[in-house]
């Protein structure tokens, strides 16, 4: 449906259940099988945002790769990986999870489909998404606009949102 030639696709990764480091490492390994020229960020710890009370902190990261193919197929591959890692198919909104892989953008593509919205609707408002992206693609322009990831990140810093992330060494 959204068949494309090679584009750069960005991903946000998160885990707040079980062995979070292992879950993110396995997600990176999985994503490397999906395309070429893979890049990954460091790990960042963040407090849960819009999650049920008592939810544990997240480990977050970002990745980017060159992808050729159907973006819905890529989304379904990511969702199948999440299920294999123990994420229930039916779950409450923003509930704790062993692993979460969000497609964030596909170059400058703007997609509004029942299964896929690109760019991800809240990525530009989330420090736990932008801070890892700053590490791997600070000059990337946010799709549909003229602002770079570093500009969006600096806007969050000015508003104090950077307090949500702690880089894990």
N, C-alpha and C. Protein backbone atom coordinates (compact mmCIF):
# COMPACT_ATOMS: atom_id res chain seq x y z
N UNK A 1 0.81 -1.19 0.00
CA UNK A 1 0.00 0.00 0.00
C UNK A 1 0.86 1.26 0.00
N UNK A 2 1.92 1.28 0.83
CA UNK A 2 2.84 2.41 0.87
C UNK A 2 4.21 1.94 0.42
N UNK A 3 4.26 1.35 -0.78
CA UNK A 3 5.49 0.82 -1.36
C UNK A 3 6.39 1.98 -1.74
N UNK A 4 7.62 1.94 -1.29
CA UNK A 4 8.52 3.04 -1.54
C UNK A 4 9.89 2.50 -1.92
N UNK A 5 10.66 3.35 -2.58
CA UNK A 5 12.06 3.02 -2.81
C UNK A 5 12.81 3.41 -1.54
N UNK A 6 14.08 3.28 -1.53
CA UNK A 6 14.85 3.44 -0.30
C UNK A 6 14.66 4.81 0.34
N UNK A 7 14.23 4.79 1.59
CA UNK A 7 14.10 6.01 2.40
C UNK A 7 14.69 5.73 3.77
N UNK A 8 14.95 6.80 4.51
CA UNK A 8 15.41 6.66 5.90
C UNK A 8 14.17 6.60 6.78
N UNK A 9 14.09 5.54 7.58
CA UNK A 9 12.96 5.34 8.49
C UNK A 9 13.51 5.43 9.92
N UNK A 10 12.81 6.20 10.75
CA UNK A 10 13.20 6.34 12.15
C UNK A 10 12.27 5.56 13.05
N UNK A 11 12.84 5.05 14.15
CA UNK A 11 12.11 4.25 15.12
C UNK A 11 12.39 4.76 16.52
N UNK A 12 11.37 4.72 17.37
CA UNK A 12 11.53 4.94 18.79
C UNK A 12 11.33 3.61 19.48
N UNK A 13 12.20 3.28 20.42
CA UNK A 13 12.13 2.02 21.14
C UNK A 13 11.97 2.29 22.63
N UNK A 14 11.20 1.45 23.29
CA UNK A 14 11.00 1.59 24.72
C UNK A 14 10.73 0.26 25.38
N UNK A 15 11.11 0.17 26.65
CA UNK A 15 10.86 -1.02 27.45
C UNK A 15 10.79 -0.61 28.91
N UNK A 16 9.75 -1.10 29.62
CA UNK A 16 9.71 -0.83 31.07
C UNK A 16 9.27 -2.05 31.87
N UNK A 17 9.41 -3.24 31.29
CA UNK A 17 9.15 -4.48 32.01
C UNK A 17 10.29 -5.47 31.78
N UNK A 18 10.62 -6.24 32.79
CA UNK A 18 11.62 -7.29 32.62
C UNK A 18 13.02 -6.73 32.43
N UNK A 19 13.83 -7.47 31.70
CA UNK A 19 15.21 -7.07 31.42
C UNK A 19 15.18 -6.05 30.28
N UNK A 20 15.08 -4.79 30.65
CA UNK A 20 14.88 -3.72 29.68
C UNK A 20 16.05 -3.59 28.70
N UNK A 21 17.28 -3.72 29.20
CA UNK A 21 18.46 -3.62 28.33
C UNK A 21 18.45 -4.73 27.27
N UNK A 22 18.15 -5.94 27.72
CA UNK A 22 18.10 -7.06 26.78
C UNK A 22 17.00 -6.84 25.74
N UNK A 23 15.84 -6.35 26.18
CA UNK A 23 14.73 -6.13 25.26
C UNK A 23 15.11 -5.12 24.18
N UNK A 24 15.76 -4.03 24.55
CA UNK A 24 16.17 -3.02 23.56
C UNK A 24 17.26 -3.59 22.66
N UNK A 25 18.21 -4.33 23.23
CA UNK A 25 19.27 -4.94 22.41
C UNK A 25 18.67 -5.90 21.38
N UNK A 26 17.69 -6.69 21.78
CA UNK A 26 17.04 -7.61 20.85
C UNK A 26 16.25 -6.85 19.79
N UNK A 27 15.65 -5.74 20.17
CA UNK A 27 14.93 -4.92 19.19
C UNK A 27 15.91 -4.32 18.17
N UNK A 28 17.08 -3.86 18.63
CA UNK A 28 18.09 -3.37 17.70
C UNK A 28 18.50 -4.49 16.73
N UNK A 29 18.74 -5.69 17.26
CA UNK A 29 19.13 -6.82 16.42
C UNK A 29 18.06 -7.11 15.38
N UNK A 30 16.79 -7.09 15.80
CA UNK A 30 15.69 -7.30 14.86
C UNK A 30 15.68 -6.22 13.79
N UNK A 31 15.77 -4.95 14.18
CA UNK A 31 15.69 -3.86 13.21
C UNK A 31 16.82 -3.91 12.19
N UNK A 32 17.98 -4.40 12.58
CA UNK A 32 19.09 -4.52 11.64
C UNK A 32 18.74 -5.45 10.48
N UNK A 33 17.78 -6.36 10.68
CA UNK A 33 17.37 -7.27 9.61
C UNK A 33 16.36 -6.63 8.67
N UNK A 34 15.91 -5.43 8.99
CA UNK A 34 14.84 -4.78 8.22
C UNK A 34 15.35 -3.82 7.15
N UNK A 35 16.62 -3.48 7.17
CA UNK A 35 17.12 -2.52 6.20
C UNK A 35 18.63 -2.42 6.24
N UNK A 36 19.14 -1.37 5.64
CA UNK A 36 20.58 -1.15 5.52
C UNK A 36 20.98 0.13 6.26
N UNK A 37 22.28 0.31 6.41
CA UNK A 37 22.84 1.53 7.00
C UNK A 37 22.20 1.84 8.36
N UNK A 38 22.15 0.84 9.21
CA UNK A 38 21.51 0.95 10.51
C UNK A 38 22.31 1.83 11.45
N UNK A 39 21.62 2.70 12.17
CA UNK A 39 22.22 3.53 13.23
C UNK A 39 21.38 3.36 14.48
N UNK A 40 22.02 3.38 15.64
CA UNK A 40 21.29 3.30 16.89
C UNK A 40 21.85 4.29 17.88
N UNK A 41 20.99 4.73 18.77
CA UNK A 41 21.38 5.67 19.82
C UNK A 41 21.85 4.91 21.05
N UNK A 42 22.30 5.67 22.01
CA UNK A 42 22.53 5.15 23.35
C UNK A 42 21.18 4.88 24.00
N UNK A 43 21.22 4.34 25.20
CA UNK A 43 20.00 4.12 25.98
C UNK A 43 19.76 5.31 26.90
N UNK A 44 18.49 5.63 27.09
CA UNK A 44 18.08 6.71 27.97
C UNK A 44 16.99 6.20 28.89
N UNK A 45 17.03 6.61 30.14
CA UNK A 45 15.97 6.24 31.07
C UNK A 45 15.04 7.43 31.23
N UNK A 46 13.75 7.14 31.22
CA UNK A 46 12.77 8.21 31.36
C UNK A 46 11.63 7.77 32.26
N UNK A 47 11.04 8.74 32.91
CA UNK A 47 9.85 8.48 33.70
C UNK A 47 8.70 8.19 32.74
N UNK A 48 7.75 7.35 33.14
CA UNK A 48 6.62 7.06 32.27
C UNK A 48 5.78 8.32 32.03
N UNK A 49 5.30 8.47 30.79
CA UNK A 49 4.48 9.61 30.40
C UNK A 49 3.12 9.08 29.96
N UNK A 50 2.06 9.62 30.55
CA UNK A 50 0.69 9.22 30.21
C UNK A 50 0.45 7.72 30.43
N UNK A 51 1.11 7.14 31.43
CA UNK A 51 0.97 5.72 31.76
C UNK A 51 0.19 5.59 33.06
N UNK A 52 -0.34 4.39 33.33
CA UNK A 52 -1.04 4.19 34.60
C UNK A 52 -0.13 4.47 35.80
N UNK A 53 -0.73 4.90 36.89
CA UNK A 53 0.02 5.18 38.12
C UNK A 53 0.82 3.95 38.52
N UNK A 54 2.04 4.17 39.00
CA UNK A 54 2.90 3.08 39.45
C UNK A 54 3.67 2.37 38.35
N UNK A 55 3.56 2.85 37.10
CA UNK A 55 4.30 2.23 36.01
C UNK A 55 5.80 2.46 36.22
N UNK A 56 6.62 1.41 35.96
CA UNK A 56 8.06 1.57 36.13
C UNK A 56 8.68 2.46 35.04
N UNK A 57 9.90 2.97 35.30
CA UNK A 57 10.57 3.82 34.31
C UNK A 57 10.90 3.03 33.03
N UNK A 58 11.05 3.77 31.95
CA UNK A 58 11.37 3.20 30.65
C UNK A 58 12.85 3.32 30.35
N UNK A 59 13.36 2.37 29.58
CA UNK A 59 14.58 2.58 28.83
C UNK A 59 14.11 2.91 27.42
N UNK A 60 14.69 3.95 26.84
CA UNK A 60 14.32 4.39 25.50
C UNK A 60 15.56 4.48 24.63
N UNK A 61 15.34 4.38 23.34
CA UNK A 61 16.41 4.52 22.36
C UNK A 61 15.76 4.89 21.03
N UNK A 62 16.60 5.21 20.06
CA UNK A 62 16.13 5.49 18.70
C UNK A 62 17.02 4.74 17.73
N UNK A 63 16.47 4.48 16.56
CA UNK A 63 17.22 3.84 15.49
C UNK A 63 16.76 4.42 14.17
N UNK A 64 17.63 4.32 13.18
CA UNK A 64 17.29 4.76 11.84
C UNK A 64 17.96 3.82 10.86
N UNK A 65 17.27 3.54 9.75
CA UNK A 65 17.83 2.67 8.73
C UNK A 65 17.26 3.03 7.36
N UNK A 66 17.94 2.56 6.32
CA UNK A 66 17.44 2.71 4.96
C UNK A 66 16.52 1.53 4.68
N UNK A 67 15.33 1.83 4.18
CA UNK A 67 14.33 0.79 3.97
C UNK A 67 13.75 0.91 2.57
N UNK A 68 13.54 -0.23 1.93
CA UNK A 68 12.84 -0.31 0.65
C UNK A 68 11.73 -1.31 0.81
N UNK A 69 10.52 -0.91 0.50
CA UNK A 69 9.39 -1.82 0.63
C UNK A 69 8.14 -1.10 1.08
N UNK A 70 7.19 -1.87 1.57
CA UNK A 70 5.90 -1.35 2.00
C UNK A 70 5.99 -1.00 3.49
N UNK A 71 5.65 0.24 3.84
CA UNK A 71 5.75 0.67 5.23
C UNK A 71 4.75 -0.05 6.14
N UNK A 72 3.58 -0.42 5.63
CA UNK A 72 2.65 -1.19 6.45
C UNK A 72 3.22 -2.57 6.74
N UNK A 73 3.91 -3.16 5.78
CA UNK A 73 4.56 -4.45 6.02
C UNK A 73 5.64 -4.30 7.10
N UNK A 74 6.39 -3.22 7.05
CA UNK A 74 7.40 -2.96 8.08
C UNK A 74 6.74 -2.81 9.45
N UNK A 75 5.64 -2.07 9.51
CA UNK A 75 4.90 -1.91 10.76
C UNK A 75 4.46 -3.27 11.29
N UNK A 76 3.90 -4.10 10.43
CA UNK A 76 3.43 -5.42 10.86
C UNK A 76 4.58 -6.31 11.32
N UNK A 77 5.73 -6.20 10.68
CA UNK A 77 6.91 -6.95 11.14
C UNK A 77 7.32 -6.52 12.55
N UNK A 78 7.27 -5.22 12.80
CA UNK A 78 7.61 -4.70 14.13
C UNK A 78 6.60 -5.19 15.17
N UNK A 79 5.32 -5.15 14.83
CA UNK A 79 4.29 -5.61 15.75
C UNK A 79 4.42 -7.10 16.04
N UNK A 80 4.76 -7.89 15.04
CA UNK A 80 4.97 -9.33 15.25
C UNK A 80 6.17 -9.56 16.16
N UNK A 81 7.24 -8.80 15.99
CA UNK A 81 8.40 -8.90 16.87
C UNK A 81 7.98 -8.59 18.31
N UNK A 82 7.20 -7.51 18.50
CA UNK A 82 6.74 -7.16 19.84
C UNK A 82 5.95 -8.31 20.48
N UNK A 83 5.08 -8.93 19.72
CA UNK A 83 4.29 -10.07 20.24
C UNK A 83 5.19 -11.24 20.62
N UNK A 84 6.18 -11.52 19.78
CA UNK A 84 7.11 -12.62 20.10
C UNK A 84 7.89 -12.32 21.38
N UNK A 85 8.05 -11.05 21.70
CA UNK A 85 8.77 -10.65 22.90
C UNK A 85 7.85 -10.54 24.12
N UNK A 86 6.59 -10.94 23.96
CA UNK A 86 5.69 -10.99 25.10
C UNK A 86 4.70 -9.86 25.23
N UNK A 87 4.65 -8.98 24.27
CA UNK A 87 3.70 -7.87 24.36
C UNK A 87 2.31 -8.38 23.97
N UNK A 88 1.32 -8.26 24.86
CA UNK A 88 -0.02 -8.76 24.52
C UNK A 88 -0.63 -7.97 23.36
N UNK A 89 -1.38 -8.67 22.52
CA UNK A 89 -2.01 -8.02 21.38
C UNK A 89 -3.11 -7.07 21.83
N UNK A 90 -3.86 -7.46 22.86
CA UNK A 90 -4.90 -6.60 23.42
C UNK A 90 -4.38 -6.08 24.76
N UNK A 91 -4.30 -4.76 24.89
CA UNK A 91 -3.74 -4.15 26.09
C UNK A 91 -4.33 -2.75 26.25
N UNK A 92 -4.23 -2.23 27.43
CA UNK A 92 -4.69 -0.87 27.68
C UNK A 92 -3.72 0.14 27.10
N UNK A 93 -4.20 1.35 26.93
CA UNK A 93 -3.37 2.42 26.38
C UNK A 93 -2.22 2.74 27.33
N UNK A 94 -1.01 2.77 26.78
CA UNK A 94 0.21 3.15 27.50
C UNK A 94 0.50 2.28 28.71
N UNK A 95 0.07 1.02 28.68
CA UNK A 95 0.38 0.11 29.79
C UNK A 95 1.84 -0.31 29.71
N UNK A 96 2.42 -0.76 30.84
CA UNK A 96 3.80 -1.24 30.81
C UNK A 96 3.98 -2.34 29.76
N UNK A 97 5.18 -2.38 29.18
CA UNK A 97 5.44 -3.34 28.11
C UNK A 97 6.89 -3.78 28.11
N UNK A 98 7.09 -5.01 27.64
CA UNK A 98 8.46 -5.53 27.56
C UNK A 98 9.23 -4.84 26.44
N UNK A 99 8.55 -4.53 25.34
CA UNK A 99 9.21 -3.80 24.26
C UNK A 99 8.15 -3.09 23.41
N UNK A 100 8.53 -1.93 22.93
CA UNK A 100 7.67 -1.12 22.07
C UNK A 100 8.55 -0.57 20.96
N UNK A 101 8.13 -0.74 19.71
CA UNK A 101 8.84 -0.17 18.56
C UNK A 101 7.84 0.69 17.81
N UNK A 102 8.09 1.98 17.78
CA UNK A 102 7.22 2.92 17.05
C UNK A 102 7.93 3.39 15.79
N UNK A 103 7.24 3.34 14.66
CA UNK A 103 7.74 4.00 13.45
C UNK A 103 7.50 5.49 13.66
N UNK A 104 8.56 6.27 13.53
CA UNK A 104 8.47 7.71 13.79
C UNK A 104 8.34 8.54 12.52
N UNK A 105 9.09 8.17 11.50
CA UNK A 105 9.06 8.92 10.24
C UNK A 105 9.63 8.05 9.13
N UNK A 106 9.32 8.44 7.93
CA UNK A 106 9.89 7.86 6.73
C UNK A 106 10.26 9.02 5.82
N UNK A 107 11.50 9.49 5.95
CA UNK A 107 11.94 10.70 5.26
C UNK A 107 10.90 11.80 5.42
N UNK A 108 10.45 12.37 4.33
CA UNK A 108 9.48 13.48 4.40
C UNK A 108 8.04 13.02 4.22
N UNK A 109 7.80 11.71 4.23
CA UNK A 109 6.46 11.19 3.98
C UNK A 109 5.47 11.62 5.07
N UNK A 110 4.27 11.95 4.64
CA UNK A 110 3.18 12.21 5.56
C UNK A 110 2.09 11.19 5.23
N UNK A 111 1.77 10.35 6.21
CA UNK A 111 0.80 9.28 6.02
C UNK A 111 -0.23 9.37 7.12
N UNK A 112 -1.49 9.34 6.74
CA UNK A 112 -2.58 9.23 7.71
C UNK A 112 -3.44 8.06 7.26
N UNK A 113 -3.26 6.95 7.95
CA UNK A 113 -3.92 5.69 7.63
C UNK A 113 -4.39 5.11 8.96
N UNK A 114 -5.47 4.33 8.98
CA UNK A 114 -5.93 3.77 10.26
C UNK A 114 -4.87 2.99 11.03
N UNK A 115 -3.91 2.40 10.33
CA UNK A 115 -2.88 1.61 11.01
C UNK A 115 -1.56 2.34 11.19
N UNK A 116 -1.35 3.42 10.45
CA UNK A 116 -0.04 4.07 10.46
C UNK A 116 -0.18 5.56 10.23
N UNK A 117 0.39 6.34 11.14
CA UNK A 117 0.45 7.80 10.98
C UNK A 117 1.92 8.20 11.03
N UNK A 118 2.36 8.86 9.96
CA UNK A 118 3.74 9.37 9.90
C UNK A 118 3.68 10.84 9.50
N UNK A 119 4.46 11.69 10.16
CA UNK A 119 5.29 11.36 11.30
C UNK A 119 4.45 10.98 12.51
N UNK A 120 5.08 10.30 13.46
CA UNK A 120 4.38 9.90 14.68
C UNK A 120 3.80 11.17 15.31
N UNK A 121 2.51 11.15 15.67
CA UNK A 121 1.83 12.38 16.09
C UNK A 121 2.42 13.10 17.30
N UNK A 122 3.08 12.41 18.21
CA UNK A 122 3.57 13.11 19.40
C UNK A 122 5.08 13.12 19.53
N UNK A 123 5.79 12.64 18.51
CA UNK A 123 7.25 12.53 18.64
C UNK A 123 7.93 13.86 18.92
N UNK A 124 7.43 14.94 18.34
CA UNK A 124 8.06 16.24 18.50
C UNK A 124 7.83 16.85 19.89
N UNK A 125 6.98 16.20 20.70
CA UNK A 125 6.67 16.69 22.04
C UNK A 125 7.30 15.85 23.14
N UNK A 126 8.02 14.80 22.77
CA UNK A 126 8.52 13.83 23.73
C UNK A 126 10.04 13.86 23.82
N UNK A 127 10.54 14.25 24.99
CA UNK A 127 11.99 14.26 25.20
C UNK A 127 12.57 12.86 25.04
N UNK A 128 11.84 11.83 25.47
CA UNK A 128 12.38 10.47 25.39
C UNK A 128 12.46 9.95 23.96
N UNK A 129 11.86 10.67 23.01
CA UNK A 129 12.00 10.35 21.59
C UNK A 129 13.07 11.25 20.97
N UNK A 130 12.99 12.55 21.23
CA UNK A 130 13.89 13.49 20.58
C UNK A 130 15.33 13.39 21.07
N UNK A 131 15.54 13.13 22.36
CA UNK A 131 16.92 13.08 22.85
C UNK A 131 17.71 11.97 22.18
N UNK A 132 17.20 10.73 22.08
CA UNK A 132 17.96 9.71 21.33
C UNK A 132 18.10 10.05 19.84
N UNK A 133 17.08 10.66 19.23
CA UNK A 133 17.18 11.04 17.83
C UNK A 133 18.26 12.10 17.63
N UNK A 134 18.41 13.00 18.59
CA UNK A 134 19.44 14.03 18.53
C UNK A 134 20.83 13.41 18.37
N UNK A 135 21.01 12.26 18.95
CA UNK A 135 22.30 11.58 18.91
C UNK A 135 22.61 11.03 17.51
N UNK A 136 21.59 10.55 16.81
CA UNK A 136 21.86 9.89 15.52
C UNK A 136 21.50 10.72 14.30
N UNK A 137 20.62 11.71 14.44
CA UNK A 137 20.23 12.51 13.25
C UNK A 137 19.76 13.91 13.64
N UNK A 138 20.63 14.70 14.27
CA UNK A 138 20.20 16.03 14.75
C UNK A 138 19.77 16.99 13.65
N UNK A 139 20.28 16.81 12.44
CA UNK A 139 19.97 17.73 11.35
C UNK A 139 18.75 17.30 10.53
N UNK A 140 18.20 16.11 10.82
CA UNK A 140 17.02 15.64 10.08
C UNK A 140 15.88 16.62 10.29
N UNK A 141 15.21 16.98 9.21
CA UNK A 141 14.08 17.91 9.27
C UNK A 141 12.82 17.12 9.61
N UNK A 142 12.07 17.64 10.57
CA UNK A 142 10.81 17.01 10.95
C UNK A 142 9.89 17.00 9.74
N UNK A 143 9.33 15.85 9.40
CA UNK A 143 8.48 15.76 8.21
C UNK A 143 7.31 16.74 8.24
N UNK A 144 7.09 17.39 7.10
CA UNK A 144 5.98 18.32 6.97
C UNK A 144 6.29 19.71 7.49
N UNK A 145 7.52 19.94 7.88
CA UNK A 145 7.87 21.25 8.42
C UNK A 145 9.26 21.66 7.97
N UNK A 146 9.80 22.65 8.64
CA UNK A 146 11.15 23.08 8.31
C UNK A 146 12.05 23.10 9.54
N UNK A 147 11.60 22.44 10.60
CA UNK A 147 12.36 22.40 11.85
C UNK A 147 13.17 21.12 11.94
N UNK A 148 14.42 21.24 12.33
CA UNK A 148 15.28 20.07 12.50
C UNK A 148 15.02 19.44 13.87
N UNK A 149 15.43 18.17 14.00
CA UNK A 149 15.27 17.48 15.29
C UNK A 149 15.95 18.27 16.40
N UNK A 150 17.13 18.82 16.11
CA UNK A 150 17.84 19.58 17.14
C UNK A 150 17.06 20.83 17.55
N UNK A 151 16.35 21.46 16.62
CA UNK A 151 15.52 22.62 16.95
C UNK A 151 14.37 22.21 17.88
N UNK A 152 13.73 21.09 17.54
CA UNK A 152 12.62 20.60 18.36
C UNK A 152 13.11 20.24 19.76
N UNK A 153 14.29 19.60 19.83
CA UNK A 153 14.86 19.23 21.13
C UNK A 153 15.15 20.49 21.95
N UNK A 154 15.75 21.49 21.34
CA UNK A 154 16.07 22.72 22.07
C UNK A 154 14.81 23.43 22.56
N UNK A 155 13.71 23.33 21.81
CA UNK A 155 12.44 23.88 22.29
C UNK A 155 12.02 23.18 23.58
N UNK A 156 12.17 21.85 23.62
CA UNK A 156 11.80 21.10 24.84
C UNK A 156 12.71 21.48 26.00
N UNK A 157 13.99 21.63 25.73
CA UNK A 157 14.94 21.99 26.79
C UNK A 157 14.56 23.35 27.38
N UNK A 158 14.20 24.29 26.52
CA UNK A 158 13.80 25.62 27.01
C UNK A 158 12.58 25.55 27.91
N UNK A 159 11.74 24.54 27.69
CA UNK A 159 10.53 24.38 28.50
C UNK A 159 10.73 23.38 29.64
N UNK A 160 11.97 22.94 29.87
CA UNK A 160 12.27 22.07 31.00
C UNK A 160 11.95 20.60 30.81
N UNK A 161 11.58 20.18 29.60
CA UNK A 161 11.19 18.79 29.37
C UNK A 161 12.36 17.82 29.35
N UNK A 162 13.60 18.32 29.22
CA UNK A 162 14.73 17.41 29.15
C UNK A 162 14.97 16.68 30.47
N UNK A 163 14.31 17.08 31.53
CA UNK A 163 14.48 16.41 32.83
C UNK A 163 13.97 14.98 32.81
N UNK A 164 13.19 14.60 31.79
CA UNK A 164 12.62 13.27 31.74
C UNK A 164 13.60 12.18 31.35
N UNK A 165 14.76 12.54 30.75
CA UNK A 165 15.68 11.54 30.22
C UNK A 165 17.03 11.60 30.92
N UNK A 166 17.56 10.40 31.18
CA UNK A 166 18.89 10.27 31.75
C UNK A 166 19.64 9.28 30.88
N UNK A 167 20.77 9.72 30.29
CA UNK A 167 21.55 8.84 29.45
C UNK A 167 22.16 7.74 30.30
N UNK A 168 22.05 6.50 29.82
CA UNK A 168 22.60 5.33 30.52
C UNK A 168 23.95 5.02 29.90
N UNK A 169 24.99 5.05 30.70
CA UNK A 169 26.33 4.78 30.19
C UNK A 169 26.67 3.32 30.34
